[in-house]
Amino acid sequence: MAFLELTHVTKGFGGPPVLADINLSIGRGEFVAIVGYSGSGKTTLISLIAGLTRPDSGRVKLNDLEITAPGPDRGVVFQNYSLLPWLTVTENIRLAVDQVFPNHALEKRRQIAATAIATVTLTPHAHKLPRELSGGQRQRVSVARALAMDPQILLLDEPLSALDALTRATLQDEFERIWEKDKKTVVLITNDVDEALLLADRIIPLTPGPGATLGPSFTVSLPRPRDRKALNHDPEFKRLRAVITSELLGYGERRKAATVRAKLILPDILPENLDLPRTDRSRPLRPNEIREEEVSLHS
């Protein structure tokens, strides 16, 4: 039985559906990456799993229970950190811990927060405010907050896309280390094929929208832990990268081929004559709007 299962899920926002007929099964402890173009509906997909939005049709189930609202069994790491700027690192994490474990003793909640901070190697910065941290450190706080809730599944919505290359590589290694430690089920949303190959057990492309759906699943059998330098010389890594990239490029080509061309109807307007001196120019007018009027002014 699948741990996370989406069955014939469709979602739109008043117009054409953003996602159409999404079918996805993920096993417990599996690390799955969803890759696709920007604007294809990846964040909508993660929002459906998180319970932040409901599908128009179809079902989303976690551990055989239908998802109808957000819950502590799903930890989400957003792209933009989402930290409260007036709270310290510890206080940001404690806010989540206190909500999820209100019946725990105070000392137990403190220990949960401290353990989460240590997991992302931020203990020396636990007293700092978000403005005193780098972008990479803020994202670590966001990860620690999600881990402190002890969720059944971790949802990563392009968490590294705003970071520089060196920080991104460091946090990729952190994600792999954390996953190896706890073996939580992880769904990673990304547009970086190399990142997906470095971290995931399975990679699934998302076709461009509107009406985006999931493409074929690619199993990543590369041994762990994965070293990015060694991977560049690994034949299987090169093969998977080429196949997945080709699949994504094929979606782009098919979307171009399906583009509808229409005649451009220019507005019925007379442009300014830029050859005239500025003082002699009249404002642009529509021919059918030119009319004479008599206006009376009363002082």
Foldseek 3Di string as FASTA:
>chain_A
DFQKWWAQFWADDPDFTLAGGATDGHHFLFEEEEAADPQSCLVVVLCCQQLVDDTPDTFIDGRNHTRNHHDLLEQEQEQQLPFDQVQFLLRRLLVLLCVLCVPDDPVVSSVLSCVLCVLLPNNVRRGDGPVVDDLLVSSSSSSSSSVSSVHQEYEYEQNPPVDDPVSSVVVLVSVQVVCVVPSHHYYHYDNDPLSCLQHGQKYWYWAGDDHIYIDDIDGRPDDPPDDSVVLVVDPSSVVVVVVVVVVRVVSVVVVVVPDDDDDDDDDQKAPWDPVDPPVPIDHIGRVVVDDDDDDDDDD
